[in-house]
C-alpha atoms as a PDB file:
ATOM      1  CA  UNK A   1     -10.837 -12.580  10.402  1.00  0.00           C
ATOM      2  CA  UNK A   2     -13.164 -11.630  13.260  1.00  0.00           C
ATOM      3  CA  UNK A   3     -16.784 -10.860  12.406  1.00  0.00           C
ATOM      4  CA  UNK A   4     -19.480  -9.282  14.588  1.00  0.00           C
ATOM      5  CA  UNK A   5     -22.958 -10.656  13.869  1.00  0.00           C
ATOM      6  CA  UNK A   6     -25.970  -8.853  15.376  1.00  0.00           C
ATOM      7  CA  UNK A   7     -29.150 -10.787  14.583  1.00  0.00           C
ATOM      8  CA  UNK A   8     -32.166 -11.595  16.781  1.00  0.00           C
ATOM      9  CA  UNK A   9     -33.359 -14.602  14.750  1.00  0.00           C
ATOM     10  CA  UNK A  10     -31.689 -17.544  16.505  1.00  0.00           C
ATOM     11  CA  UNK A  11     -32.215 -19.903  13.564  1.00  0.00           C
ATOM     12  CA  UNK A  12     -30.603 -17.507  11.089  1.00  0.00           C
ATOM     13  CA  UNK A  13     -27.786 -16.805  13.536  1.00  0.00           C
ATOM     14  CA  UNK A  14     -27.076 -20.524  13.721  1.00  0.00           C
ATOM     15  CA  UNK A  15     -26.983 -20.854   9.935  1.00  0.00           C
ATOM     16  CA  UNK A  16     -24.751 -17.811   9.531  1.00  0.00           C
ATOM     17  CA  UNK A  17     -22.418 -18.979  12.299  1.00  0.00           C
ATOM     18  CA  UNK A  18     -22.062 -22.394  10.667  1.00  0.00           C
ATOM     19  CA  UNK A  19     -21.173 -20.974   7.258  1.00  0.00           C
ATOM     20  CA  UNK A  20     -18.965 -18.131   8.469  1.00  0.00           C
ATOM     21  CA  UNK A  21     -16.960 -20.390  10.760  1.00  0.00           C
ATOM     22  CA  UNK A  22     -16.780 -22.908   7.937  1.00  0.00           C
ATOM     23  CA  UNK A  23     -15.030 -20.202   5.897  1.00  0.00           C
ATOM     24  CA  UNK A  24     -12.493 -19.646   8.680  1.00  0.00           C
ATOM     25  CA  UNK A  25     -14.038 -16.563  10.274  1.00  0.00           C
ATOM     26  CA  UNK A  26     -14.034 -16.042  14.032  1.00  0.00           C
ATOM     27  CA  UNK A  27     -17.506 -14.952  15.094  1.00  0.00           C
ATOM     28  CA  UNK A  28     -19.042 -12.982  17.962  1.00  0.00           C
ATOM     29  CA  UNK A  29     -22.851 -13.156  17.870  1.00  0.00           C
ATOM     30  CA  UNK A  30     -25.222 -10.751  19.626  1.00  0.00           C
ATOM     31  CA  UNK A  31     -28.996 -11.179  19.847  1.00  0.00           C
ATOM     32  CA  UNK A  32     -29.973  -7.526  20.291  1.00  0.00           C
ATOM     33  CA  UNK A  33     -28.701  -4.053  19.524  1.00  0.00           C
ATOM     34  CA  UNK A  34     -27.392  -3.266  22.999  1.00  0.00           C
ATOM     35  CA  UNK A  35     -25.369  -6.464  23.153  1.00  0.00           C
ATOM     36  CA  UNK A  36     -24.086  -5.713  19.670  1.00  0.00           C
ATOM     37  CA  UNK A  37     -23.060  -2.231  20.792  1.00  0.00           C
ATOM     38  CA  UNK A  38     -21.199  -3.708  23.768  1.00  0.00           C
ATOM     39  CA  UNK A  39     -19.255  -6.084  21.528  1.00  0.00           C
ATOM     40  CA  UNK A  40     -18.520  -3.287  19.082  1.00  0.00           C
ATOM     41  CA  UNK A  41     -17.206  -1.042  21.847  1.00  0.00           C
ATOM     42  CA  UNK A  42     -15.061  -3.731  23.475  1.00  0.00           C
ATOM     43  CA  UNK A  43     -13.458  -5.510  20.527  1.00  0.00           C
ATOM     44  CA  UNK A  44     -11.957  -4.814  17.134  1.00  0.00           C
ATOM     45  CA  UNK A  45     -13.459  -6.495  14.071  1.00  0.00           C
ATOM     46  CA  UNK A  46     -12.693  -7.006  10.406  1.00  0.00           C
ATOM     47  CA  UNK A  47     -16.387  -6.574   9.515  1.00  0.00           C
ATOM     48  CA  UNK A  48     -19.861  -6.545  11.045  1.00  0.00           C
ATOM     49  CA  UNK A  49     -23.185  -7.984   9.873  1.00  0.00           C
ATOM     50  CA  UNK A  50     -26.118  -6.125  11.436  1.00  0.00           C
ATOM     51  CA  UNK A  51     -29.841  -6.776  11.101  1.00  0.00           C
ATOM     52  CA  UNK A  52     -32.045  -3.674  11.104  1.00  0.00           C
ATOM     53  CA  UNK A  53     -34.999  -5.104  13.035  1.00  0.00           C
ATOM     54  CA  UNK A  54     -33.269  -5.572  16.380  1.00  0.00           C
ATOM     55  CA  UNK A  55     -34.766  -5.399  19.888  1.00  0.00           C
ATOM     56  CA  UNK A  56     -33.505  -2.929  22.547  1.00  0.00           C
ATOM     57  CA  UNK A  57     -31.546  -0.858  20.018  1.00  0.00           C
ATOM     58  CA  UNK A  58     -32.488  -0.795  16.343  1.00  0.00           C
ATOM     59  CA  UNK A  59     -29.935  -1.768  13.743  1.00  0.00           C
ATOM     60  CA  UNK A  60     -29.902   1.669  12.112  1.00  0.00           C
ATOM     61  CA  UNK A  61     -29.223   3.346  15.472  1.00  0.00           C
ATOM     62  CA  UNK A  62     -26.541   0.754  16.209  1.00  0.00           C
ATOM     63  CA  UNK A  63     -24.762   1.533  12.951  1.00  0.00           C
ATOM     64  CA  UNK A  64     -24.945   5.274  13.638  1.00  0.00           C
ATOM     65  CA  UNK A  65     -23.596   4.894  17.166  1.00  0.00           C
ATOM     66  CA  UNK A  66     -20.721   2.664  16.079  1.00  0.00           C
ATOM     67  CA  UNK A  67     -19.722   5.218  13.458  1.00  0.00           C
ATOM     68  CA  UNK A  68     -20.027   8.061  15.967  1.00  0.00           C
ATOM     69  CA  UNK A  69     -17.596   6.132  18.183  1.00  0.00           C
ATOM     70  CA  UNK A  70     -15.170   5.957  15.225  1.00  0.00           C
ATOM     71  CA  UNK A  71     -15.522   2.243  14.560  1.00  0.00           C
ATOM     72  CA  UNK A  72     -14.294   2.057  10.995  1.00  0.00           C
ATOM     73  CA  UNK A  73     -14.614  -1.612  10.091  1.00  0.00           C
ATOM     74  CA  UNK A  74     -17.041  -2.326   7.232  1.00  0.00           C
ATOM     75  CA  UNK A  75     -20.700  -3.010   8.028  1.00  0.00           C
ATOM     76  CA  UNK A  76     -23.111  -5.139   6.026  1.00  0.00           C
ATOM     77  CA  UNK A  77     -26.782  -4.527   6.805  1.00  0.00           C
ATOM     78  CA  UNK A  78     -29.278  -7.395   6.717  1.00  0.00           C
ATOM     79  CA  UNK A  79     -32.963  -6.602   6.532  1.00  0.00           C
ATOM     80  CA  UNK A  80     -36.341  -7.778   5.288  1.00  0.00           C
ATOM     81  CA  UNK A  81     -37.040  -4.200   4.126  1.00  0.00           C
ATOM     82  CA  UNK A  82     -36.492  -3.889   0.389  1.00  0.00           C
ATOM     83  CA  UNK A  83     -37.566  -0.287  -0.257  1.00  0.00           C
ATOM     84  CA  UNK A  84     -34.834   1.807  -1.853  1.00  0.00           C
ATOM     85  CA  UNK A  85     -35.275   4.548   0.769  1.00  0.00           C
ATOM     86  CA  UNK A  86     -34.358   2.088   3.541  1.00  0.00           C
ATOM     87  CA  UNK A  87     -31.219   1.161   1.626  1.00  0.00           C
ATOM     88  CA  UNK A  88     -30.240   4.802   1.206  1.00  0.00           C
ATOM     89  CA  UNK A  89     -30.886   5.507   4.897  1.00  0.00           C
ATOM     90  CA  UNK A  90     -28.745   2.542   5.921  1.00  0.00           C
ATOM     91  CA  UNK A  91     -25.863   3.580   3.701  1.00  0.00           C
ATOM     92  CA  UNK A  92     -26.079   7.175   4.893  1.00  0.00           C
ATOM     93  CA  UNK A  93     -26.031   5.944   8.502  1.00  0.00           C
ATOM     94  CA  UNK A  94     -22.598   4.485   7.824  1.00  0.00           C
ATOM     95  CA  UNK A  95     -23.160   0.999   6.405  1.00  0.00           C
ATOM     96  CA  UNK A  96     -20.990  -0.161   3.513  1.00  0.00           C
ATOM     97  CA  UNK A  97     -23.320  -2.691   1.933  1.00  0.00           C
ATOM     98  CA  UNK A  98     -26.920  -3.861   2.103  1.00  0.00           C
ATOM     99  CA  UNK A  99     -28.402  -7.356   1.675  1.00  0.00           C
ATOM    100  CA  UNK A 100     -32.139  -8.017   1.624  1.00  0.00           C
ATOM    101  CA  UNK A 101     -33.673 -11.132   3.175  1.00  0.00           C
ATOM    102  CA  UNK A 102     -34.090 -13.798   1.972  1.00  0.00           C
ATOM    103  CA  UNK A 103     -30.609 -14.155   0.513  1.00  0.00           C
ATOM    104  CA  UNK A 104     -28.292 -16.902  -0.642  1.00  0.00           C
ATOM    105  CA  UNK A 105     -25.503 -17.728   1.782  1.00  0.00           C
ATOM    106  CA  UNK A 106     -22.968 -17.713  -1.051  1.00  0.00           C
ATOM    107  CA  UNK A 107     -23.797 -14.077  -1.805  1.00  0.00           C
ATOM    108  CA  UNK A 108     -23.437 -13.043   1.818  1.00  0.00           C
ATOM    109  CA  UNK A 109     -20.063 -14.781   2.118  1.00  0.00           C
ATOM    110  CA  UNK A 110     -18.853 -13.137  -1.100  1.00  0.00           C
ATOM    111  CA  UNK A 111     -19.970  -9.700   0.107  1.00  0.00           C
ATOM    112  CA  UNK A 112     -18.279 -10.127   3.492  1.00  0.00           C
ATOM    113  CA  UNK A 113     -15.030 -11.237   1.843  1.00  0.00           C
ATOM    114  CA  UNK A 114     -15.141  -8.254  -0.525  1.00  0.00           C
ATOM    115  CA  UNK A 115     -15.751  -5.826   2.350  1.00  0.00           C
ATOM    116  CA  UNK A 116     -12.847  -7.241   4.361  1.00  0.00           C
ATOM    117  CA  UNK A 117     -10.328  -7.059   1.551  1.00  0.00           C
ATOM    118  CA  UNK A 118     -11.459  -3.625   0.337  1.00  0.00           C
ATOM    119  CA  UNK A 119     -11.199  -2.250   3.875  1.00  0.00           C
ATOM    120  CA  UNK A 120      -7.569  -3.422   3.798  1.00  0.00           C
ATOM    121  CA  UNK A 121      -7.056  -1.714   0.430  1.00  0.00           C
ATOM    122  CA  UNK A 122      -7.341  -4.742  -1.875  1.00  0.00           C
ATOM    123  CA  UNK A 123      -9.812  -4.708  -4.758  1.00  0.00           C
ATOM    124  CA  UNK A 124      -8.947  -8.195  -5.975  1.00  0.00           C
ATOM    125  CA  UNK A 125      -9.354 -11.478  -4.065  1.00  0.00           C
ATOM    126  CA  UNK A 126      -5.857 -12.402  -5.273  1.00  0.00           C
ATOM    127  CA  UNK A 127      -3.228 -11.102  -2.874  1.00  0.00           C
ATOM    128  CA  UNK A 128       0.347 -10.984  -4.119  1.00  0.00           C
ATOM    129  CA  UNK A 129       3.564 -10.401  -2.165  1.00  0.00           C
ATOM    130  CA  UNK A 130       6.762 -11.210  -4.011  1.00  0.00           C
ATOM    131  CA  UNK A 131       6.498 -14.854  -5.129  1.00  0.00           C
ATOM    132  CA  UNK A 132       3.496 -15.495  -2.858  1.00  0.00           C
ATOM    133  CA  UNK A 133       0.019 -15.435  -4.399  1.00  0.00           C
ATOM    134  CA  UNK A 134      -2.966 -16.037  -2.119  1.00  0.00           C
ATOM    135  CA  UNK A 135      -6.418 -16.597  -3.617  1.00  0.00           C
ATOM    136  CA  UNK A 136      -9.000 -15.557  -1.018  1.00  0.00           C
ATOM    137  CA  UNK A 137     -11.868 -16.977  -3.072  1.00  0.00           C
ATOM    138  CA  UNK A 138     -10.348 -20.453  -3.354  1.00  0.00           C
ATOM    139  CA  UNK A 139      -8.456 -20.322  -0.035  1.00  0.00           C
ATOM    140  CA  UNK A 140      -5.293 -21.402  -1.813  1.00  0.00           C
ATOM    141  CA  UNK A 141      -1.629 -20.409  -1.990  1.00  0.00           C
ATOM    142  CA  UNK A 142       0.941 -20.654  -4.742  1.00  0.00           C
ATOM    143  CA  UNK A 143       4.652 -19.945  -4.322  1.00  0.00           C
ATOM    144  CA  UNK A 144       6.465 -18.850  -7.486  1.00  0.00           C
ATOM    145  CA  UNK A 145       3.582 -20.356  -9.432  1.00  0.00           C
ATOM    146  CA  UNK A 146       3.624 -23.708  -7.622  1.00  0.00           C
ATOM    147  CA  UNK A 147       0.584 -24.671  -5.496  1.00  0.00           C
ATOM    148  CA  UNK A 148       1.382 -25.051  -1.803  1.00  0.00           C
ATOM    149  CA  UNK A 149      -0.687 -26.826   0.855  1.00  0.00           C
ATOM    150  CA  UNK A 150      -1.476 -25.014   4.096  1.00  0.00           C
ATOM    151  CA  UNK A 151      -3.526 -26.052   7.099  1.00  0.00           C
ATOM    152  CA  UNK A 152      -6.644 -23.976   7.743  1.00  0.00           C
ATOM    153  CA  UNK A 153      -4.982 -21.994  10.510  1.00  0.00           C
ATOM    154  CA  UNK A 154      -1.726 -21.486   8.606  1.00  0.00           C
ATOM    155  CA  UNK A 155      -3.817 -20.066   5.774  1.00  0.00           C
ATOM    156  CA  UNK A 156      -5.651 -17.698   8.141  1.00  0.00           C
ATOM    157  CA  UNK A 157      -2.382 -16.394   9.606  1.00  0.00           C
ATOM    158  CA  UNK A 158      -0.869 -15.794   6.168  1.00  0.00           C
ATOM    159  CA  UNK A 159      -4.085 -14.227   4.847  1.00  0.00           C
ATOM    160  CA  UNK A 160      -4.154 -11.732   7.708  1.00  0.00           C
ATOM    161  CA  UNK A 161      -0.483 -10.813   7.227  1.00  0.00           C
ATOM    162  CA  UNK A 162      -0.922 -10.443   3.456  1.00  0.00           C
ATOM    163  CA  UNK A 163      -3.985  -8.242   3.904  1.00  0.00           C
ATOM    164  CA  UNK A 164      -1.780  -5.919   5.986  1.00  0.00           C
ATOM    165  CA  UNK A 165       1.647  -5.992   4.275  1.00  0.00           C
ATOM    166  CA  UNK A 166       4.546  -4.042   5.747  1.00  0.00           C
ATOM    167  CA  UNK A 167       2.620  -3.405   8.963  1.00  0.00           C
ATOM    168  CA  UNK A 168       3.787  -4.810  12.281  1.00  0.00           C
ATOM    169  CA  UNK A 169       1.114  -7.197  13.582  1.00  0.00           C
ATOM    170  CA  UNK A 170       1.360  -8.026  17.265  1.00  0.00           C
ATOM    171  CA  UNK A 171       0.742 -11.483  18.682  1.00  0.00           C
ATOM    172  CA  UNK A 172      -2.263 -10.001  20.516  1.00  0.00           C
ATOM    173  CA  UNK A 173      -3.766  -8.673  17.273  1.00  0.00           C
ATOM    174  CA  UNK A 174      -3.328 -12.032  15.562  1.00  0.00           C
ATOM    175  CA  UNK A 175      -4.902 -13.774  18.540  1.00  0.00           C
ATOM    176  CA  UNK A 176      -7.839 -11.348  18.624  1.00  0.00           C
ATOM    177  CA  UNK A 177      -8.598 -11.701  14.919  1.00  0.00           C
ATOM    178  CA  UNK A 178      -7.952 -15.427  14.465  1.00  0.00           C
ATOM    179  CA  UNK A 179      -9.205 -17.073  17.670  1.00  0.00           C
ATOM    180  CA  UNK A 180     -12.438 -17.189  19.631  1.00  0.00           C
ATOM    181  CA  UNK A 181     -12.518 -15.043  22.773  1.00  0.00           C
ATOM    182  CA  UNK A 182     -11.943 -17.993  25.134  1.00  0.00           C
ATOM    183  CA  UNK A 183      -8.574 -18.875  23.560  1.00  0.00           C
ATOM    184  CA  UNK A 184      -5.748 -19.249  26.087  1.00  0.00           C
ATOM    185  CA  UNK A 185      -3.775 -16.083  25.438  1.00  0.00           C
ATOM    186  CA  UNK A 186      -0.646 -17.167  27.275  1.00  0.00           C
ATOM    187  CA  UNK A 187      -0.204 -19.982  24.783  1.00  0.00           C
ATOM    188  CA  UNK A 188       2.716 -20.019  22.347  1.00  0.00           C
ATOM    189  CA  UNK A 189       0.476 -21.341  19.560  1.00  0.00           C
ATOM    190  CA  UNK A 190       0.975 -18.209  17.435  1.00  0.00           C
ATOM    191  CA  UNK A 191       4.766 -18.651  17.515  1.00  0.00           C
ATOM    192  CA  UNK A 192       4.396 -22.316  16.623  1.00  0.00           C
ATOM    193  CA  UNK A 193       2.202 -21.561  13.603  1.00  0.00           C
ATOM    194  CA  UNK A 194       4.458 -18.734  12.437  1.00  0.00           C
ATOM    195  CA  UNK A 195       7.413 -21.137  12.620  1.00  0.00           C
ATOM    196  CA  UNK A 196       5.589 -23.811  10.623  1.00  0.00           C
ATOM    197  CA  UNK A 197       4.433 -21.256   8.084  1.00  0.00           C
ATOM    198  CA  UNK A 198       7.946 -19.910   7.593  1.00  0.00           C
ATOM    199  CA  UNK A 199       9.275 -23.414   6.924  1.00  0.00           C
ATOM    200  CA  UNK A 200       6.575 -24.034   4.312  1.00  0.00           C
ATOM    201  CA  UNK A 201       7.330 -20.720   2.585  1.00  0.00           C
ATOM    202  CA  UNK A 202      11.097 -21.228   2.401  1.00  0.00           C
ATOM    203  CA  UNK A 203      13.096 -20.050   0.557  1.00  0.00           C
ATOM    204  CA  UNK A 204      10.495 -17.332  -0.008  1.00  0.00           C
ATOM    205  CA  UNK A 205       9.361 -16.596   3.541  1.00  0.00           C
ATOM    206  CA  UNK A 206       8.593 -12.890   3.760  1.00  0.00           C
ATOM    207  CA  UNK A 207       7.561 -13.008   7.422  1.00  0.00           C
ATOM    208  CA  UNK A 208       9.901 -11.065   9.678  1.00  0.00           C
ATOM    209  CA  UNK A 209       9.932 -10.939  13.468  1.00  0.00           C
ATOM    210  CA  UNK A 210      10.033  -7.431  14.912  1.00  0.00           C
ATOM    211  CA  UNK A 211      11.543  -8.025  18.308  1.00  0.00           C
ATOM    212  CA  UNK A 212       9.197  -7.150  21.151  1.00  0.00           C
ATOM    213  CA  UNK A 213       6.454  -6.015  18.745  1.00  0.00           C
ATOM    214  CA  UNK A 214       5.252  -8.862  16.559  1.00  0.00           C
ATOM    215  CA  UNK A 215       5.481  -9.899  12.925  1.00  0.00           C
ATOM    216  CA  UNK A 216       5.649  -8.115   9.592  1.00  0.00           C
ATOM    217  CA  UNK A 217       5.166  -9.466   6.089  1.00  0.00           C
ATOM    218  CA  UNK A 218       7.549  -7.585   3.825  1.00  0.00           C
ATOM    219  CA  UNK A 219       6.571  -6.980   0.227  1.00  0.00           C
ATOM    220  CA  UNK A 220      10.205  -6.852  -0.923  1.00  0.00           C
ATOM    221  CA  UNK A 221      11.815 -10.295  -0.786  1.00  0.00           C
ATOM    222  CA  UNK A 222      15.147  -8.675  -0.066  1.00  0.00           C
ATOM    223  CA  UNK A 223      13.907  -6.718   2.989  1.00  0.00           C
END
């Protein structure tokens, strides 16, 4: 999952980057509102974390502009302001959630995970497709009730496909959402991981190749 972080406190940015990447997120970090707007205009994200007190372009204006440009990914606002009117203003500007500083990192990670899955139409952290059951909270997979071990990247690929079942996901989309921007895009790494993942899921692999388009995780095991 790719996250946009817009925060001008370098120390907090470092802490957030460490924890978010530790949870398997790909992160783009901007230090001011204009840089955050540039990232938001250029790339697609699964969620954004935006501080309100930003230089060059305030966080509230950044949220409004992103929504005006039809950026629909969920936005979590971070701020030291704890007045209820600020929260209402942020939500009315287009934010989906609001977290007041100081906060516990565990709460932020839980809120980001909830925003990502709800944006994909999943209320529960447990994703189910046929015999596959993926627990987003525990980062674990079971197949027909039996725990199965995945590498960190295999898990991220499967998680993304299961969050978007029955939709064709291109190699480019997977690359954009699962790798840092400097990843070598001519690489065949995606195909390699898909192949490994299919072998681990057999005989219940629900991942289909759509020739010339990408991959699709089918909900029906017989599809």
